[in-house]
């Protein structure tokens, strides 16, 4: 009997995205690493919040992480 291979998770996607219990994909916004002095407090405050991907992008990310919703 031949063994079939396992699907691999794209590690870059696994580090950037998190799948919630309801199936939505969340991520951390960019732009909060450096050069913060020219950004206003309001902008920095909004960048601290996470964001949710659109349904089209969610489908693509879930293909990159086949085991994220299992178990």
PDB file of N, CA and C in Angstrom:
ATOM      1  N   UNK A   1       0.842  -1.179   0.000  1.00  0.00           N
ATOM      2  CA  UNK A   1       0.000   0.000   0.000  1.00  0.00           C
ATOM      3  C   UNK A   1       0.887   1.241   0.000  1.00  0.00           C
ATOM      4  N   UNK A   2       0.637   2.121  -0.939  1.00  0.00           N
ATOM      5  CA  UNK A   2       1.454   3.325  -1.055  1.00  0.00           C
ATOM      6  C   UNK A   2       0.932   4.404  -0.110  1.00  0.00           C
ATOM      7  N   UNK A   3       1.860   5.077   0.528  1.00  0.00           N
ATOM      8  CA  UNK A   3       1.486   6.184   1.405  1.00  0.00           C
ATOM      9  C   UNK A   3       1.397   7.454   0.580  1.00  0.00           C
ATOM     10  N   UNK A   4       0.379   8.238   0.830  1.00  0.00           N
ATOM     11  CA  UNK A   4       0.289   9.524   0.154  1.00  0.00           C
ATOM     12  C   UNK A   4       0.920  10.584   1.045  1.00  0.00           C
ATOM     13  N   UNK A   5       1.454  11.614   0.425  1.00  0.00           N
ATOM     14  CA  UNK A   5       2.119  12.668   1.187  1.00  0.00           C
ATOM     15  C   UNK A   5       1.121  13.599   1.847  1.00  0.00           C
ATOM     16  N   UNK A   6       1.598  14.268   2.855  1.00  0.00           N
ATOM     17  CA  UNK A   6       0.763  15.255   3.529  1.00  0.00           C
ATOM     18  C   UNK A   6       0.883  16.598   2.817  1.00  0.00           C
ATOM     19  N   UNK A   7      -0.172  17.392   2.912  1.00  0.00           N
ATOM     20  CA  UNK A   7      -0.098  18.739   2.375  1.00  0.00           C
ATOM     21  C   UNK A   7       0.713  19.593   3.334  1.00  0.00           C
ATOM     22  N   UNK A   8       1.457  20.529   2.784  1.00  0.00           N
ATOM     23  CA  UNK A   8       2.283  21.392   3.625  1.00  0.00           C
ATOM     24  C   UNK A   8       1.619  22.747   3.809  1.00  0.00           C
ATOM     25  N   UNK A   9       1.765  23.283   5.009  1.00  0.00           N
ATOM     26  CA  UNK A   9       1.307  24.628   5.303  1.00  0.00           C
ATOM     27  C   UNK A   9       2.381  25.607   4.853  1.00  0.00           C
ATOM     28  N   UNK A  10       1.980  26.668   4.182  1.00  0.00           N
ATOM     29  CA  UNK A  10       2.930  27.717   3.809  1.00  0.00           C
ATOM     30  C   UNK A  10       3.268  28.487   5.078  1.00  0.00           C
ATOM     31  N   UNK A  11       4.504  28.380   5.532  1.00  0.00           N
ATOM     32  CA  UNK A  11       4.891  28.949   6.818  1.00  0.00           C
ATOM     33  C   UNK A  11       4.776  30.468   6.826  1.00  0.00           C
ATOM     34  N   UNK A  12       4.997  31.104   5.692  1.00  0.00           N
ATOM     35  CA  UNK A  12       4.887  32.562   5.638  1.00  0.00           C
ATOM     36  C   UNK A  12       3.456  32.997   5.938  1.00  0.00           C
ATOM     37  N   UNK A  13       2.481  32.252   5.429  1.00  0.00           N
ATOM     38  CA  UNK A  13       1.079  32.576   5.681  1.00  0.00           C
ATOM     39  C   UNK A  13       0.714  32.289   7.133  1.00  0.00           C
ATOM     40  N   UNK A  14       1.236  31.199   7.681  1.00  0.00           N
ATOM     41  CA  UNK A  14       0.915  30.825   9.056  1.00  0.00           C
ATOM     42  C   UNK A  14       1.430  31.861  10.047  1.00  0.00           C
ATOM     43  N   UNK A  15       2.531  32.519   9.707  1.00  0.00           N
ATOM     44  CA  UNK A  15       3.093  33.535  10.598  1.00  0.00           C
ATOM     45  C   UNK A  15       2.333  34.856  10.514  1.00  0.00           C
ATOM     46  N   UNK A  16       1.667  35.106   9.390  1.00  0.00           N
ATOM     47  CA  UNK A  16       1.023  36.401   9.172  1.00  0.00           C
ATOM     48  C   UNK A  16      -0.469  36.417   9.496  1.00  0.00           C
ATOM     49  N   UNK A  17      -1.125  35.278   9.371  1.00  0.00           N
ATOM     50  CA  UNK A  17      -2.580  35.244   9.502  1.00  0.00           C
ATOM     51  C   UNK A  17      -3.021  34.331  10.630  1.00  0.00           C
ATOM     52  N   UNK A  18      -4.208  34.624  11.174  1.00  0.00           N
ATOM     53  CA  UNK A  18      -4.797  33.795  12.219  1.00  0.00           C
ATOM     54  C   UNK A  18      -6.259  33.571  11.851  1.00  0.00           C
ATOM     55  N   UNK A  19      -6.718  32.321  11.922  1.00  0.00           N
ATOM     56  CA  UNK A  19      -8.102  32.016  11.571  1.00  0.00           C
ATOM     57  C   UNK A  19      -8.925  31.920  12.848  1.00  0.00           C
ATOM     58  N   UNK A  20     -10.006  32.686  12.906  1.00  0.00           N
ATOM     59  CA  UNK A  20     -10.855  32.718  14.091  1.00  0.00           C
ATOM     60  C   UNK A  20     -11.771  31.499  14.108  1.00  0.00           C
ATOM     61  N   UNK A  21     -12.504  31.336  15.197  1.00  0.00           N
ATOM     62  CA  UNK A  21     -13.414  30.213  15.333  1.00  0.00           C
ATOM     63  C   UNK A  21     -14.540  30.237  14.318  1.00  0.00           C
ATOM     64  N   UNK A  22     -14.945  31.430  13.890  1.00  0.00           N
ATOM     65  CA  UNK A  22     -16.024  31.528  12.911  1.00  0.00           C
ATOM     66  C   UNK A  22     -15.522  31.416  11.480  1.00  0.00           C
ATOM     67  N   UNK A  23     -14.196  31.289  11.291  1.00  0.00           N
ATOM     68  CA  UNK A  23     -13.656  31.101   9.953  1.00  0.00           C
ATOM     69  C   UNK A  23     -13.114  32.356   9.303  1.00  0.00           C
ATOM     70  N   UNK A  24     -13.172  33.496   9.981  1.00  0.00           N
ATOM     71  CA  UNK A  24     -12.615  34.719   9.422  1.00  0.00           C
ATOM     72  C   UNK A  24     -11.099  34.711   9.596  1.00  0.00           C
ATOM     73  N   UNK A  25     -10.414  35.453   8.729  1.00  0.00           N
ATOM     74  CA  UNK A  25      -8.957  35.526   8.795  1.00  0.00           C
ATOM     75  C   UNK A  25      -8.561  36.915   9.268  1.00  0.00           C
ATOM     76  N   UNK A  26      -7.779  36.975  10.348  1.00  0.00           N
ATOM     77  CA  UNK A  26      -7.324  38.257  10.875  1.00  0.00           C
ATOM     78  C   UNK A  26      -5.827  38.398  10.638  1.00  0.00           C
ATOM     79  N   UNK A  27      -5.370  39.640  10.631  1.00  0.00           N
ATOM     80  CA  UNK A  27      -3.958  39.925  10.435  1.00  0.00           C
ATOM     81  C   UNK A  27      -3.613  41.233  11.131  1.00  0.00           C
ATOM     82  N   UNK A  28      -2.321  41.474  11.317  1.00  0.00           N
ATOM     83  CA  UNK A  28      -1.855  42.714  11.923  1.00  0.00           C
ATOM     84  C   UNK A  28      -1.509  43.681  10.812  1.00  0.00           C
ATOM     85  N   UNK A  29      -1.912  44.932  10.979  1.00  0.00           N
ATOM     86  CA  UNK A  29      -1.675  45.931   9.948  1.00  0.00           C
ATOM     87  C   UNK A  29      -0.201  46.294   9.859  1.00  0.00           C
ATOM     88  N   UNK A  30       0.191  46.730   8.672  1.00  0.00           N
ATOM     89  CA  UNK A  30       1.575  47.129   8.450  1.00  0.00           C
ATOM     90  C   UNK A  30       1.786  48.583   8.864  1.00  0.00           C
ATOM     91  N   UNK A  31       3.038  48.983   8.977  1.00  0.00           N
ATOM     92  CA  UNK A  31       3.360  50.392   9.182  1.00  0.00           C
ATOM     93  C   UNK A  31       3.601  50.804  10.610  1.00  0.00           C
ATOM     94  N   UNK A  32       3.864  49.860  11.514  1.00  0.00           N
ATOM     95  CA  UNK A  32       4.051  50.223  12.915  1.00  0.00           C
ATOM     96  C   UNK A  32       5.420  49.766  13.424  1.00  0.00           C
ATOM     97  N   UNK A  33       6.363  49.586  12.520  1.00  0.00           N
ATOM     98  CA  UNK A  33       7.685  49.095  12.905  1.00  0.00           C
ATOM     99  C   UNK A  33       8.697  50.215  13.110  1.00  0.00           C
ATOM    100  N   UNK A  34       8.754  51.150  12.161  1.00  0.00           N
ATOM    101  CA  UNK A  34       9.739  52.227  12.268  1.00  0.00           C
ATOM    102  C   UNK A  34       9.205  53.451  11.545  1.00  0.00           C
ATOM    103  N   UNK A  35       9.963  54.549  11.639  1.00  0.00           N
ATOM    104  CA  UNK A  35       9.557  55.854  11.107  1.00  0.00           C
ATOM    105  C   UNK A  35       8.192  56.234  11.686  1.00  0.00           C
ATOM    106  N   UNK A  36       8.082  56.202  13.003  1.00  0.00           N
ATOM    107  CA  UNK A  36       6.807  56.487  13.654  1.00  0.00           C
ATOM    108  C   UNK A  36       6.656  57.956  14.029  1.00  0.00           C
ATOM    109  N   UNK A  37       7.746  58.714  13.977  1.00  0.00           N
ATOM    110  CA  UNK A  37       7.680  60.105  14.437  1.00  0.00           C
ATOM    111  C   UNK A  37       6.819  60.971  13.524  1.00  0.00           C
ATOM    112  N   UNK A  38       6.792  60.651  12.237  1.00  0.00           N
ATOM    113  CA  UNK A  38       5.986  61.473  11.322  1.00  0.00           C
ATOM    114  C   UNK A  38       4.532  61.012  11.251  1.00  0.00           C
ATOM    115  N   UNK A  39       4.204  59.918  11.922  1.00  0.00           N
ATOM    116  CA  UNK A  39       2.824  59.435  11.935  1.00  0.00           C
ATOM    117  C   UNK A  39       2.126  59.957  13.172  1.00  0.00           C
ATOM    118  N   UNK A  40       0.902  60.401  12.986  1.00  0.00           N
ATOM    119  CA  UNK A  40       0.146  60.960  14.097  1.00  0.00           C
ATOM    120  C   UNK A  40      -0.308  59.897  15.086  1.00  0.00           C
ATOM    121  N   UNK A  41      -0.720  60.355  16.262  1.00  0.00           N
ATOM    122  CA  UNK A  41      -1.171  59.430  17.306  1.00  0.00           C
ATOM    123  C   UNK A  41      -2.411  58.667  16.854  1.00  0.00           C
ATOM    124  N   UNK A  42      -3.290  59.348  16.128  1.00  0.00           N
ATOM    125  CA  UNK A  42      -4.515  58.703  15.652  1.00  0.00           C
ATOM    126  C   UNK A  42      -4.197  57.571  14.675  1.00  0.00           C
ATOM    127  N   UNK A  43      -3.239  57.817  13.788  1.00  0.00           N
ATOM    128  CA  UNK A  43      -2.860  56.786  12.822  1.00  0.00           C
ATOM    129  C   UNK A  43      -2.210  55.598  13.520  1.00  0.00           C
ATOM    130  N   UNK A  44      -1.310  55.883  14.458  1.00  0.00           N
ATOM    131  CA  UNK A  44      -0.633  54.799  15.183  1.00  0.00           C
ATOM    132  C   UNK A  44      -1.624  53.978  15.994  1.00  0.00           C
ATOM    133  N   UNK A  45      -2.606  54.644  16.582  1.00  0.00           N
ATOM    134  CA  UNK A  45      -3.627  53.959  17.374  1.00  0.00           C
ATOM    135  C   UNK A  45      -4.448  53.021  16.492  1.00  0.00           C
ATOM    136  N   UNK A  46      -4.794  53.466  15.297  1.00  0.00           N
ATOM    137  CA  UNK A  46      -5.565  52.625  14.384  1.00  0.00           C
ATOM    138  C   UNK A  46      -4.741  51.475  13.827  1.00  0.00           C
ATOM    139  N   UNK A  47      -3.435  51.686  13.679  1.00  0.00           N
ATOM    140  CA  UNK A  47      -2.578  50.614  13.174  1.00  0.00           C
ATOM    141  C   UNK A  47      -2.404  49.503  14.201  1.00  0.00           C
ATOM    142  N   UNK A  48      -2.578  49.818  15.484  1.00  0.00           N
ATOM    143  CA  UNK A  48      -2.433  48.801  16.528  1.00  0.00           C
ATOM    144  C   UNK A  48      -3.546  47.758  16.464  1.00  0.00           C
ATOM    145  N   UNK A  49      -4.699  48.133  15.948  1.00  0.00           N
ATOM    146  CA  UNK A  49      -5.826  47.210  15.875  1.00  0.00           C
ATOM    147  C   UNK A  49      -5.621  46.200  14.748  1.00  0.00           C
ATOM    148  N   UNK A  50      -6.109  45.018  14.945  1.00  0.00           N
ATOM    149  CA  UNK A  50      -6.056  44.020  13.884  1.00  0.00           C
ATOM    150  C   UNK A  50      -7.104  44.310  12.836  1.00  0.00           C
ATOM    151  N   UNK A  51      -7.035  43.591  11.735  1.00  0.00           N
ATOM    152  CA  UNK A  51      -8.004  43.766  10.659  1.00  0.00           C
ATOM    153  C   UNK A  51      -8.432  42.394  10.150  1.00  0.00           C
ATOM    154  N   UNK A  52      -9.538  42.375   9.400  1.00  0.00           N
ATOM    155  CA  UNK A  52     -10.081  41.139   8.856  1.00  0.00           C
ATOM    156  C   UNK A  52      -9.962  41.166   7.336  1.00  0.00           C
ATOM    157  N   UNK A  53      -9.564  40.049   6.771  1.00  0.00           N
ATOM    158  CA  UNK A  53      -9.430  39.957   5.316  1.00  0.00           C
ATOM    159  C   UNK A  53     -10.793  39.900   4.641  1.00  0.00           C
ATOM    160  N   UNK A  54     -10.822  40.314   3.379  1.00  0.00           N
ATOM    161  CA  UNK A  54     -12.037  40.212   2.583  1.00  0.00           C
ATOM    162  C   UNK A  54     -12.305  38.739   2.273  1.00  0.00           C
ATOM    163  N   UNK A  55     -13.544  38.392   1.929  1.00  0.00           N
ATOM    164  CA  UNK A  55     -13.867  36.987   1.635  1.00  0.00           C
ATOM    165  C   UNK A  55     -13.038  36.382   0.505  1.00  0.00           C
ATOM    166  N   UNK A  56     -12.687  37.184  -0.501  1.00  0.00           N
ATOM    167  CA  UNK A  56     -11.886  36.671  -1.613  1.00  0.00           C
ATOM    168  C   UNK A  56     -10.490  36.305  -1.132  1.00  0.00           C
ATOM    169  N   UNK A  57      -9.874  37.199  -0.348  1.00  0.00           N
ATOM    170  CA  UNK A  57      -8.542  36.925   0.173  1.00  0.00           C
ATOM    171  C   UNK A  57      -8.576  35.797   1.198  1.00  0.00           C
ATOM    172  N   UNK A  58      -9.677  35.693   1.946  1.00  0.00           N
ATOM    173  CA  UNK A  58      -9.811  34.629   2.941  1.00  0.00           C
ATOM    174  C   UNK A  58      -9.724  33.264   2.277  1.00  0.00           C
ATOM    175  N   UNK A  59     -10.360  33.115   1.138  1.00  0.00           N
ATOM    176  CA  UNK A  59     -10.334  31.848   0.416  1.00  0.00           C
ATOM    177  C   UNK A  59      -8.912  31.489   0.000  1.00  0.00           C
ATOM    178  N   UNK A  60      -8.146  32.472  -0.448  1.00  0.00           N
ATOM    179  CA  UNK A  60      -6.771  32.228  -0.881  1.00  0.00           C
ATOM    180  C   UNK A  60      -5.878  31.849   0.293  1.00  0.00           C
ATOM    181  N   UNK A  61      -6.062  32.515   1.431  1.00  0.00           N
ATOM    182  CA  UNK A  61      -5.227  32.227   2.604  1.00  0.00           C
ATOM    183  C   UNK A  61      -5.528  30.838   3.146  1.00  0.00           C
ATOM    184  N   UNK A  62      -6.786  30.438   3.129  1.00  0.00           N
ATOM    185  CA  UNK A  62      -7.145  29.112   3.639  1.00  0.00           C
ATOM    186  C   UNK A  62      -6.562  28.001   2.771  1.00  0.00           C
ATOM    187  N   UNK A  63      -6.332  28.272   1.487  1.00  0.00           N
ATOM    188  CA  UNK A  63      -5.668  27.290   0.634  1.00  0.00           C
ATOM    189  C   UNK A  63      -4.202  27.141   1.018  1.00  0.00           C
ATOM    190  N   UNK A  64      -3.601  28.214   1.523  1.00  0.00           N
ATOM    191  CA  UNK A  64      -2.201  28.162   1.934  1.00  0.00           C
ATOM    192  C   UNK A  64      -2.022  27.464   3.272  1.00  0.00           C
ATOM    193  N   UNK A  65      -3.105  27.415   4.075  1.00  0.00           N
ATOM    194  CA  UNK A  65      -3.043  26.789   5.391  1.00  0.00           C
ATOM    195  C   UNK A  65      -4.111  25.701   5.474  1.00  0.00           C
ATOM    196  N   UNK A  66      -3.843  24.519   4.913  1.00  0.00           N
ATOM    197  CA  UNK A  66      -4.879  23.487   4.806  1.00  0.00           C
ATOM    198  C   UNK A  66      -5.352  22.921   6.140  1.00  0.00           C
ATOM    199  N   UNK A  67      -4.531  22.974   7.181  1.00  0.00           N
ATOM    200  CA  UNK A  67      -4.894  22.374   8.451  1.00  0.00           C
ATOM    201  C   UNK A  67      -5.323  23.381   9.498  1.00  0.00           C
ATOM    202  N   UNK A  68      -5.500  24.632   9.124  1.00  0.00           N
ATOM    203  CA  UNK A  68      -5.794  25.683  10.102  1.00  0.00           C
ATOM    204  C   UNK A  68      -7.168  25.496  10.752  1.00  0.00           C
ATOM    205  N   UNK A  69      -8.146  24.961  10.026  1.00  0.00           N
ATOM    206  CA  UNK A  69      -9.493  24.826  10.564  1.00  0.00           C
ATOM    207  C   UNK A  69      -9.773  23.406  11.069  1.00  0.00           C
ATOM    208  N   UNK A  70      -8.816  22.517  10.967  1.00  0.00           N
ATOM    209  CA  UNK A  70      -9.039  21.133  11.385  1.00  0.00           C
ATOM    210  C   UNK A  70      -8.875  20.990  12.891  1.00  0.00           C
ATOM    211  N   UNK A  71      -9.662  20.122  13.495  1.00  0.00           N
ATOM    212  CA  UNK A  71      -9.475  19.774  14.899  1.00  0.00           C
ATOM    213  C   UNK A  71      -9.922  20.719  15.893  1.00  0.00           C
TER     214      UNK A  71
END
